[in-house]
């Protein structure tokens, strides 16, 4: 008796990989929401400390020639913050670090020097030396700069002294902006969000600790210099740990599903002669 033809075997198709499913190393939605909430909280805290700082300065020094001298000197860090933290460093360095991280992820582990470390070695010393030289030049040229910023200022020497203190922000703000750009490119946002908390804390602490009767508005200018240093200190350890972390191996593509040969039913045997 001839064997009955076998029915075709239905092979279940492998489901396509879910493109919306996060990779094992991707941060979860809860982690991202928590980071966003902490960043917003630090930003709001920095703004509140800035309001308290302004009220403290007004209550401590009032309106007068001393406050005018400090406000003239304060134009230096205000200009430096816009140029070196908010705009300049972010617009230039964030895309540069993002490209270096992309090259790191695409290269095999032993493909040569790490692109991120190479970028830091090529850019950080130049940025530090350039802004340190600019800060030193402003310290020396303060007697010439103050009359340009505020012609006819009554207490010019006090403004010169305050400007020499705030000139250090050209250096510290550049380092703070560099750290912020590098950390944001690495997906680290909490330390950059805390810089204005540190900055305003430095000013408030200096005004409270230093005796205004002895130092006058120079205490506030010293606080600006201390706040700029604190902006670097809250970020530099985080960036150092980030750069010291060895890069992981590049992500390998997902293995493709093995090709299963199509299963066809066996051909039925021919009917014997005379069966019809």
C-alpha atoms as a PDB file:
ATOM      1  CA  UNK A   1       0.000   0.000   0.000  1.00  0.00           C
ATOM      2  CA  UNK A   2       1.406   3.366  -0.975  1.00  0.00           C
ATOM      3  CA  UNK A   3       2.157   5.824   1.773  1.00  0.00           C
ATOM      4  CA  UNK A   4      -0.308   8.668   2.069  1.00  0.00           C
ATOM      5  CA  UNK A   5       1.157  12.025   1.134  1.00  0.00           C
ATOM      6  CA  UNK A   6       2.360  14.015   4.153  1.00  0.00           C
ATOM      7  CA  UNK A   7       0.714  17.373   4.707  1.00  0.00           C
ATOM      8  CA  UNK A   8       2.999  20.385   4.379  1.00  0.00           C
ATOM      9  CA  UNK A   9       4.729  21.358   7.603  1.00  0.00           C
ATOM     10  CA  UNK A  10       3.963  24.934   8.609  1.00  0.00           C
ATOM     11  CA  UNK A  11       7.097  26.604   9.901  1.00  0.00           C
ATOM     12  CA  UNK A  12       6.395  29.428  12.335  1.00  0.00           C
ATOM     13  CA  UNK A  13       8.060  32.624  11.227  1.00  0.00           C
ATOM     14  CA  UNK A  14      10.487  34.207  13.675  1.00  0.00           C
ATOM     15  CA  UNK A  15       9.158  37.490  15.012  1.00  0.00           C
ATOM     16  CA  UNK A  16      11.090  40.503  13.825  1.00  0.00           C
ATOM     17  CA  UNK A  17      13.110  42.210  16.523  1.00  0.00           C
ATOM     18  CA  UNK A  18      11.199  44.966  18.239  1.00  0.00           C
ATOM     19  CA  UNK A  19      12.816  48.213  17.200  1.00  0.00           C
ATOM     20  CA  UNK A  20      11.108  50.097  20.044  1.00  0.00           C
ATOM     21  CA  UNK A  21      12.432  47.776  22.706  1.00  0.00           C
ATOM     22  CA  UNK A  22      15.379  49.407  24.522  1.00  0.00           C
ATOM     23  CA  UNK A  23      18.710  47.706  24.406  1.00  0.00           C
ATOM     24  CA  UNK A  24      19.987  46.140  27.626  1.00  0.00           C
ATOM     25  CA  UNK A  25      22.321  49.104  28.245  1.00  0.00           C
ATOM     26  CA  UNK A  26      19.771  51.810  27.508  1.00  0.00           C
ATOM     27  CA  UNK A  27      18.409  53.787  30.470  1.00  0.00           C
ATOM     28  CA  UNK A  28      14.877  53.005  31.454  1.00  0.00           C
ATOM     29  CA  UNK A  29      12.060  55.490  31.230  1.00  0.00           C
ATOM     30  CA  UNK A  30      11.887  55.716  35.006  1.00  0.00           C
ATOM     31  CA  UNK A  31      15.589  56.564  35.200  1.00  0.00           C
ATOM     32  CA  UNK A  32      15.230  59.259  32.551  1.00  0.00           C
ATOM     33  CA  UNK A  33      12.231  60.749  34.330  1.00  0.00           C
ATOM     34  CA  UNK A  34      14.130  60.801  37.609  1.00  0.00           C
ATOM     35  CA  UNK A  35      17.140  62.483  35.991  1.00  0.00           C
ATOM     36  CA  UNK A  36      14.882  65.095  34.373  1.00  0.00           C
ATOM     37  CA  UNK A  37      13.170  65.809  37.693  1.00  0.00           C
ATOM     38  CA  UNK A  38      16.490  66.196  39.539  1.00  0.00           C
ATOM     39  CA  UNK A  39      17.832  68.448  36.799  1.00  0.00           C
ATOM     40  CA  UNK A  40      14.747  70.661  36.985  1.00  0.00           C
ATOM     41  CA  UNK A  41      15.007  70.781  40.778  1.00  0.00           C
ATOM     42  CA  UNK A  42      18.674  71.831  40.667  1.00  0.00           C
ATOM     43  CA  UNK A  43      17.918  74.481  38.065  1.00  0.00           C
ATOM     44  CA  UNK A  44      15.088  75.872  40.187  1.00  0.00           C
ATOM     45  CA  UNK A  45      17.282  75.811  43.289  1.00  0.00           C
ATOM     46  CA  UNK A  46      19.988  77.742  41.458  1.00  0.00           C
ATOM     47  CA  UNK A  47      17.434  80.372  40.424  1.00  0.00           C
ATOM     48  CA  UNK A  48      16.140  80.696  43.986  1.00  0.00           C
ATOM     49  CA  UNK A  49      19.671  81.067  45.322  1.00  0.00           C
ATOM     50  CA  UNK A  50      20.267  83.758  42.711  1.00  0.00           C
ATOM     51  CA  UNK A  51      17.242  85.668  43.980  1.00  0.00           C
ATOM     52  CA  UNK A  52      18.443  85.315  47.569  1.00  0.00           C
ATOM     53  CA  UNK A  53      21.933  86.433  46.486  1.00  0.00           C
ATOM     54  CA  UNK A  54      20.583  89.632  44.948  1.00  0.00           C
ATOM     55  CA  UNK A  55      18.532  90.398  48.060  1.00  0.00           C
ATOM     56  CA  UNK A  56      21.555  89.747  50.291  1.00  0.00           C
ATOM     57  CA  UNK A  57      23.754  92.059  48.225  1.00  0.00           C
ATOM     58  CA  UNK A  58      21.123  94.796  48.308  1.00  0.00           C
ATOM     59  CA  UNK A  59      20.611  94.474  52.054  1.00  0.00           C
ATOM     60  CA  UNK A  60      24.330  94.281  52.859  1.00  0.00           C
ATOM     61  CA  UNK A  61      25.734  96.986  50.599  1.00  0.00           C
ATOM     62  CA  UNK A  62      22.711  99.020  49.579  1.00  0.00           C
ATOM     63  CA  UNK A  63      22.927 101.588  46.808  1.00  0.00           C
ATOM     64  CA  UNK A  64      26.100 103.585  46.547  1.00  0.00           C
ATOM     65  CA  UNK A  65      29.462 103.952  44.926  1.00  0.00           C
ATOM     66  CA  UNK A  66      30.628 100.593  46.290  1.00  0.00           C
ATOM     67  CA  UNK A  67      27.732  98.733  44.724  1.00  0.00           C
ATOM     68  CA  UNK A  68      28.290 100.589  41.461  1.00  0.00           C
ATOM     69  CA  UNK A  69      31.916  99.473  41.456  1.00  0.00           C
ATOM     70  CA  UNK A  70      30.932  95.861  42.046  1.00  0.00           C
ATOM     71  CA  UNK A  71      28.302  95.932  39.305  1.00  0.00           C
ATOM     72  CA  UNK A  72      30.912  97.191  36.850  1.00  0.00           C
ATOM     73  CA  UNK A  73      33.183  94.294  37.796  1.00  0.00           C
ATOM     74  CA  UNK A  74      30.271  91.865  37.595  1.00  0.00           C
ATOM     75  CA  UNK A  75      29.901  92.497  33.875  1.00  0.00           C
ATOM     76  CA  UNK A  76      32.970  90.310  33.325  1.00  0.00           C
ATOM     77  CA  UNK A  77      31.483  87.042  34.669  1.00  0.00           C
ATOM     78  CA  UNK A  78      28.085  87.842  33.177  1.00  0.00           C
ATOM     79  CA  UNK A  79      29.645  88.140  29.737  1.00  0.00           C
ATOM     80  CA  UNK A  80      31.883  85.116  30.321  1.00  0.00           C
ATOM     81  CA  UNK A  81      28.946  82.939  31.397  1.00  0.00           C
ATOM     82  CA  UNK A  82      27.094  83.607  28.160  1.00  0.00           C
ATOM     83  CA  UNK A  83      30.136  83.069  25.988  1.00  0.00           C
ATOM     84  CA  UNK A  84      31.895  80.191  27.743  1.00  0.00           C
ATOM     85  CA  UNK A  85      29.085  78.210  29.401  1.00  0.00           C
ATOM     86  CA  UNK A  86      25.783  78.795  27.700  1.00  0.00           C
ATOM     87  CA  UNK A  87      26.771  79.257  24.060  1.00  0.00           C
ATOM     88  CA  UNK A  88      30.391  78.929  22.998  1.00  0.00           C
ATOM     89  CA  UNK A  89      31.520  75.716  24.659  1.00  0.00           C
ATOM     90  CA  UNK A  90      28.168  74.003  24.222  1.00  0.00           C
ATOM     91  CA  UNK A  91      27.835  74.800  20.512  1.00  0.00           C
ATOM     92  CA  UNK A  92      31.375  73.674  19.711  1.00  0.00           C
ATOM     93  CA  UNK A  93      32.154  70.869  22.128  1.00  0.00           C
ATOM     94  CA  UNK A  94      28.884  68.957  22.451  1.00  0.00           C
ATOM     95  CA  UNK A  95      28.873  67.985  18.729  1.00  0.00           C
ATOM     96  CA  UNK A  96      32.608  67.246  18.907  1.00  0.00           C
ATOM     97  CA  UNK A  97      32.213  64.905  21.883  1.00  0.00           C
ATOM     98  CA  UNK A  98      29.134  63.295  20.315  1.00  0.00           C
ATOM     99  CA  UNK A  99      31.136  62.532  17.157  1.00  0.00           C
ATOM    100  CA  UNK A 100      34.027  61.152  19.208  1.00  0.00           C
ATOM    101  CA  UNK A 101      31.659  58.908  21.167  1.00  0.00           C
ATOM    102  CA  UNK A 102      30.146  57.667  17.907  1.00  0.00           C
ATOM    103  CA  UNK A 103      33.612  56.822  16.563  1.00  0.00           C
ATOM    104  CA  UNK A 104      34.421  55.038  19.805  1.00  0.00           C
ATOM    105  CA  UNK A 105      31.284  52.913  19.544  1.00  0.00           C
ATOM    106  CA  UNK A 106      31.930  51.986  15.937  1.00  0.00           C
ATOM    107  CA  UNK A 107      35.597  51.066  16.328  1.00  0.00           C
ATOM    108  CA  UNK A 108      36.818  47.659  17.536  1.00  0.00           C
ATOM    109  CA  UNK A 109      38.371  47.601  21.033  1.00  0.00           C
ATOM    110  CA  UNK A 110      42.014  47.606  19.813  1.00  0.00           C
ATOM    111  CA  UNK A 111      41.641  50.029  16.924  1.00  0.00           C
ATOM    112  CA  UNK A 112      44.068  52.643  18.265  1.00  0.00           C
ATOM    113  CA  UNK A 113      43.782  55.606  20.652  1.00  0.00           C
ATOM    114  CA  UNK A 114      40.414  56.312  22.172  1.00  0.00           C
ATOM    115  CA  UNK A 115      38.701  59.130  20.205  1.00  0.00           C
ATOM    116  CA  UNK A 116      37.248  60.757  23.340  1.00  0.00           C
ATOM    117  CA  UNK A 117      40.590  60.841  25.154  1.00  0.00           C
ATOM    118  CA  UNK A 118      42.268  62.155  22.007  1.00  0.00           C
ATOM    119  CA  UNK A 119      39.717  64.971  21.808  1.00  0.00           C
ATOM    120  CA  UNK A 120      40.316  65.926  25.451  1.00  0.00           C
ATOM    121  CA  UNK A 121      44.095  65.953  24.975  1.00  0.00           C
ATOM    122  CA  UNK A 122      43.754  68.112  21.882  1.00  0.00           C
ATOM    123  CA  UNK A 123      41.277  70.687  23.227  1.00  0.00           C
ATOM    124  CA  UNK A 124      41.439  70.976  27.038  1.00  0.00           C
ATOM    125  CA  UNK A 125      45.045  72.233  27.378  1.00  0.00           C
ATOM    126  CA  UNK A 126      44.503  74.847  24.674  1.00  0.00           C
ATOM    127  CA  UNK A 127      41.253  76.055  26.235  1.00  0.00           C
ATOM    128  CA  UNK A 128      42.801  76.217  29.713  1.00  0.00           C
ATOM    129  CA  UNK A 129      45.952  78.032  28.595  1.00  0.00           C
ATOM    130  CA  UNK A 130      44.074  80.470  26.372  1.00  0.00           C
ATOM    131  CA  UNK A 131      41.528  81.512  28.987  1.00  0.00           C
ATOM    132  CA  UNK A 132      44.166  81.637  31.749  1.00  0.00           C
ATOM    133  CA  UNK A 133      46.173  84.033  29.596  1.00  0.00           C
ATOM    134  CA  UNK A 134      43.049  86.116  28.942  1.00  0.00           C
ATOM    135  CA  UNK A 135      42.283  86.251  32.676  1.00  0.00           C
ATOM    136  CA  UNK A 136      45.842  87.335  33.473  1.00  0.00           C
ATOM    137  CA  UNK A 137      45.711  89.994  30.786  1.00  0.00           C
ATOM    138  CA  UNK A 138      42.458  91.366  32.193  1.00  0.00           C
ATOM    139  CA  UNK A 139      43.966  91.492  35.684  1.00  0.00           C
ATOM    140  CA  UNK A 140      46.825  93.607  34.355  1.00  0.00           C
ATOM    141  CA  UNK A 141      44.622  95.764  32.123  1.00  0.00           C
ATOM    142  CA  UNK A 142      41.859  96.364  34.685  1.00  0.00           C
ATOM    143  CA  UNK A 143      42.838 100.057  35.208  1.00  0.00           C
ATOM    144  CA  UNK A 144      42.318 100.597  31.493  1.00  0.00           C
ATOM    145  CA  UNK A 145      39.180  98.454  31.139  1.00  0.00           C
ATOM    146  CA  UNK A 146      37.163  99.982  33.993  1.00  0.00           C
ATOM    147  CA  UNK A 147      37.008 103.505  32.458  1.00  0.00           C
ATOM    148  CA  UNK A 148      35.811 101.930  29.228  1.00  0.00           C
ATOM    149  CA  UNK A 149      33.052 100.020  31.018  1.00  0.00           C
ATOM    150  CA  UNK A 150      31.951 102.887  33.274  1.00  0.00           C
ATOM    151  CA  UNK A 151      33.232 106.350  32.387  1.00  0.00           C
ATOM    152  CA  UNK A 152      33.029 108.805  35.273  1.00  0.00           C
ATOM    153  CA  UNK A 153      32.766 106.123  37.996  1.00  0.00           C
ATOM    154  CA  UNK A 154      33.391 107.817  41.374  1.00  0.00           C
ATOM    155  CA  UNK A 155      35.448 105.038  43.046  1.00  0.00           C
ATOM    156  CA  UNK A 156      37.494 103.754  40.140  1.00  0.00           C
ATOM    157  CA  UNK A 157      40.111 101.960  42.236  1.00  0.00           C
ATOM    158  CA  UNK A 158      37.467  99.896  44.015  1.00  0.00           C
ATOM    159  CA  UNK A 159      36.061  98.838  40.645  1.00  0.00           C
ATOM    160  CA  UNK A 160      39.577  97.905  39.514  1.00  0.00           C
ATOM    161  CA  UNK A 161      40.079  95.730  42.599  1.00  0.00           C
ATOM    162  CA  UNK A 162      36.739  93.985  42.069  1.00  0.00           C
ATOM    163  CA  UNK A 163      37.427  93.508  38.363  1.00  0.00           C
ATOM    164  CA  UNK A 164      40.734  91.830  39.121  1.00  0.00           C
ATOM    165  CA  UNK A 165      38.918  89.367  41.372  1.00  0.00           C
ATOM    166  CA  UNK A 166      36.142  88.621  38.907  1.00  0.00           C
ATOM    167  CA  UNK A 167      38.618  88.298  36.019  1.00  0.00           C
ATOM    168  CA  UNK A 168      39.424  84.808  37.288  1.00  0.00           C
ATOM    169  CA  UNK A 169      36.007  83.752  35.965  1.00  0.00           C
ATOM    170  CA  UNK A 170      37.364  83.827  32.433  1.00  0.00           C
ATOM    171  CA  UNK A 171      39.421  80.783  33.394  1.00  0.00           C
ATOM    172  CA  UNK A 172      37.019  79.025  35.759  1.00  0.00           C
ATOM    173  CA  UNK A 173      33.961  79.531  33.544  1.00  0.00           C
ATOM    174  CA  UNK A 174      35.838  78.133  30.561  1.00  0.00           C
ATOM    175  CA  UNK A 175      36.670  74.972  32.512  1.00  0.00           C
ATOM    176  CA  UNK A 176      33.095  74.783  33.819  1.00  0.00           C
ATOM    177  CA  UNK A 177      31.703  75.120  30.304  1.00  0.00           C
ATOM    178  CA  UNK A 178      34.101  72.477  29.015  1.00  0.00           C
ATOM    179  CA  UNK A 179      33.055  70.031  31.722  1.00  0.00           C
ATOM    180  CA  UNK A 180      29.366  70.758  31.113  1.00  0.00           C
ATOM    181  CA  UNK A 181      29.670  70.130  27.372  1.00  0.00           C
ATOM    182  CA  UNK A 182      31.614  66.889  27.848  1.00  0.00           C
ATOM    183  CA  UNK A 183      29.220  65.560  30.493  1.00  0.00           C
ATOM    184  CA  UNK A 184      26.115  66.403  28.479  1.00  0.00           C
ATOM    185  CA  UNK A 185      27.550  64.613  25.471  1.00  0.00           C
ATOM    186  CA  UNK A 186      28.041  61.562  27.714  1.00  0.00           C
ATOM    187  CA  UNK A 187      24.427  61.783  28.902  1.00  0.00           C
ATOM    188  CA  UNK A 188      25.312  63.139  32.367  1.00  0.00           C
ATOM    189  CA  UNK A 189      23.132  66.115  33.250  1.00  0.00           C
ATOM    190  CA  UNK A 190      22.983  66.424  37.040  1.00  0.00           C
ATOM    191  CA  UNK A 191      26.437  67.893  37.597  1.00  0.00           C
ATOM    192  CA  UNK A 192      26.010  70.525  34.845  1.00  0.00           C
ATOM    193  CA  UNK A 193      22.629  71.442  36.324  1.00  0.00           C
ATOM    194  CA  UNK A 194      24.271  72.081  39.723  1.00  0.00           C
ATOM    195  CA  UNK A 195      26.778  74.698  38.569  1.00  0.00           C
ATOM    196  CA  UNK A 196      24.625  77.718  39.363  1.00  0.00           C
ATOM    197  CA  UNK A 197      23.812  76.291  42.767  1.00  0.00           C
ATOM    198  CA  UNK A 198      27.560  76.158  43.404  1.00  0.00           C
ATOM    199  CA  UNK A 199      28.141  79.621  41.928  1.00  0.00           C
ATOM    200  CA  UNK A 200      25.512  81.380  44.012  1.00  0.00           C
ATOM    201  CA  UNK A 201      26.546  79.432  47.097  1.00  0.00           C
ATOM    202  CA  UNK A 202      30.080  80.778  46.713  1.00  0.00           C
ATOM    203  CA  UNK A 203      28.877  84.384  46.508  1.00  0.00           C
ATOM    204  CA  UNK A 204      26.475  84.059  49.430  1.00  0.00           C
ATOM    205  CA  UNK A 205      29.073  82.349  51.618  1.00  0.00           C
ATOM    206  CA  UNK A 206      31.718  84.987  50.915  1.00  0.00           C
ATOM    207  CA  UNK A 207      29.345  87.860  51.712  1.00  0.00           C
ATOM    208  CA  UNK A 208      28.273  86.191  54.974  1.00  0.00           C
ATOM    209  CA  UNK A 209      31.721  85.045  56.110  1.00  0.00           C
ATOM    210  CA  UNK A 210      33.822  88.053  55.098  1.00  0.00           C
ATOM    211  CA  UNK A 211      33.173  91.170  57.135  1.00  0.00           C
ATOM    212  CA  UNK A 212      31.651  93.835  54.865  1.00  0.00           C
ATOM    213  CA  UNK A 213      32.975  96.483  57.229  1.00  0.00           C
ATOM    214  CA  UNK A 214      36.547  95.445  56.427  1.00  0.00           C
ATOM    215  CA  UNK A 215      36.276  94.279  52.827  1.00  0.00           C
ATOM    216  CA  UNK A 216      33.249  96.114  51.478  1.00  0.00           C
ATOM    217  CA  UNK A 217      32.010  94.938  48.098  1.00  0.00           C
ATOM    218  CA  UNK A 218      35.341  93.179  47.571  1.00  0.00           C
ATOM    219  CA  UNK A 219      33.753  90.371  49.593  1.00  0.00           C
ATOM    220  CA  UNK A 220      31.112  89.948  46.894  1.00  0.00           C
ATOM    221  CA  UNK A 221      33.763  90.024  44.154  1.00  0.00           C
ATOM    222  CA  UNK A 222      35.752  87.375  46.031  1.00  0.00           C
ATOM    223  CA  UNK A 223      32.561  85.337  46.231  1.00  0.00           C
ATOM    224  CA  UNK A 224      32.186  85.548  42.452  1.00  0.00           C
ATOM    225  CA  UNK A 225      35.716  84.173  42.070  1.00  0.00           C
ATOM    226  CA  UNK A 226      34.999  81.406  44.604  1.00  0.00           C
ATOM    227  CA  UNK A 227      31.701  80.569  42.914  1.00  0.00           C
ATOM    228  CA  UNK A 228      33.463  80.143  39.584  1.00  0.00           C
ATOM    229  CA  UNK A 229      35.905  77.693  41.170  1.00  0.00           C
ATOM    230  CA  UNK A 230      33.034  75.749  42.734  1.00  0.00           C
ATOM    231  CA  UNK A 231      31.387  75.413  39.311  1.00  0.00           C
ATOM    232  CA  UNK A 232      34.448  73.482  38.200  1.00  0.00           C
ATOM    233  CA  UNK A 233      34.740  71.421  41.380  1.00  0.00           C
ATOM    234  CA  UNK A 234      31.195  70.058  41.201  1.00  0.00           C
ATOM    235  CA  UNK A 235      31.813  68.737  37.682  1.00  0.00           C
ATOM    236  CA  UNK A 236      35.488  67.820  37.383  1.00  0.00           C
ATOM    237  CA  UNK A 237      35.335  64.654  39.562  1.00  0.00           C
ATOM    238  CA  UNK A 238      32.303  63.387  37.623  1.00  0.00           C
ATOM    239  CA  UNK A 239      33.997  63.998  34.290  1.00  0.00           C
ATOM    240  CA  UNK A 240      37.217  62.411  35.529  1.00  0.00           C
ATOM    241  CA  UNK A 241      35.389  59.239  36.518  1.00  0.00           C
ATOM    242  CA  UNK A 242      33.559  59.242  33.192  1.00  0.00           C
ATOM    243  CA  UNK A 243      36.776  59.524  31.227  1.00  0.00           C
ATOM    244  CA  UNK A 244      38.535  56.929  33.378  1.00  0.00           C
ATOM    245  CA  UNK A 245      35.809  54.376  32.730  1.00  0.00           C
ATOM    246  CA  UNK A 246      37.097  52.032  30.031  1.00  0.00           C
ATOM    247  CA  UNK A 247      34.914  52.033  26.931  1.00  0.00           C
ATOM    248  CA  UNK A 248      32.862  48.922  26.424  1.00  0.00           C
ATOM    249  CA  UNK A 249      33.108  46.773  23.320  1.00  0.00           C
ATOM    250  CA  UNK A 250      31.158  48.010  20.319  1.00  0.00           C
ATOM    251  CA  UNK A 251      27.667  46.681  20.086  1.00  0.00           C
ATOM    252  CA  UNK A 252      27.560  43.680  17.794  1.00  0.00           C
ATOM    253  CA  UNK A 253      24.653  43.385  15.387  1.00  0.00           C
ATOM    254  CA  UNK A 254      21.882  41.033  16.363  1.00  0.00           C
ATOM    255  CA  UNK A 255      22.340  37.574  14.798  1.00  0.00           C
ATOM    256  CA  UNK A 256      20.060  37.003  11.864  1.00  0.00           C
ATOM    257  CA  UNK A 257      17.576  34.193  11.966  1.00  0.00           C
ATOM    258  CA  UNK A 258      18.862  31.017  10.312  1.00  0.00           C
ATOM    259  CA  UNK A 259      17.429  30.376   6.931  1.00  0.00           C
ATOM    260  CA  UNK A 260      15.121  27.359   7.123  1.00  0.00           C
ATOM    261  CA  UNK A 261      14.750  25.515   3.828  1.00  0.00           C
ATOM    262  CA  UNK A 262      11.170  25.361   2.672  1.00  0.00           C
ATOM    263  CA  UNK A 263       9.445  22.114   3.489  1.00  0.00           C
ATOM    264  CA  UNK A 264       7.484  20.726   0.552  1.00  0.00           C
ATOM    265  CA  UNK A 265       5.096  17.799   0.715  1.00  0.00           C
ATOM    266  CA  UNK A 266       6.325  14.466  -0.657  1.00  0.00           C
ATOM    267  CA  UNK A 267       5.090  13.643  -4.128  1.00  0.00           C
ATOM    268  CA  UNK A 268       2.280  11.055  -4.199  1.00  0.00           C
ATOM    269  CA  UNK A 269       3.183   7.739  -5.913  1.00  0.00           C
ATOM    270  CA  UNK A 270       1.807   7.140  -9.379  1.00  0.00           C
ATOM    271  CA  UNK A 271      -1.344   5.037  -9.564  1.00  0.00           C
ATOM    272  CA  UNK A 272      -0.752   1.468 -10.775  1.00  0.00           C
ATOM    273  CA  UNK A 273      -1.865   0.595 -14.322  1.00  0.00           C
ATOM    274  CA  UNK A 274      -5.478  -0.300 -14.601  1.00  0.00           C
ATOM    275  CA  UNK A 275      -6.477   1.412 -11.365  1.00  0.00           C
ATOM    276  CA  UNK A 276      -8.736   3.831 -13.183  1.00  0.00           C
END
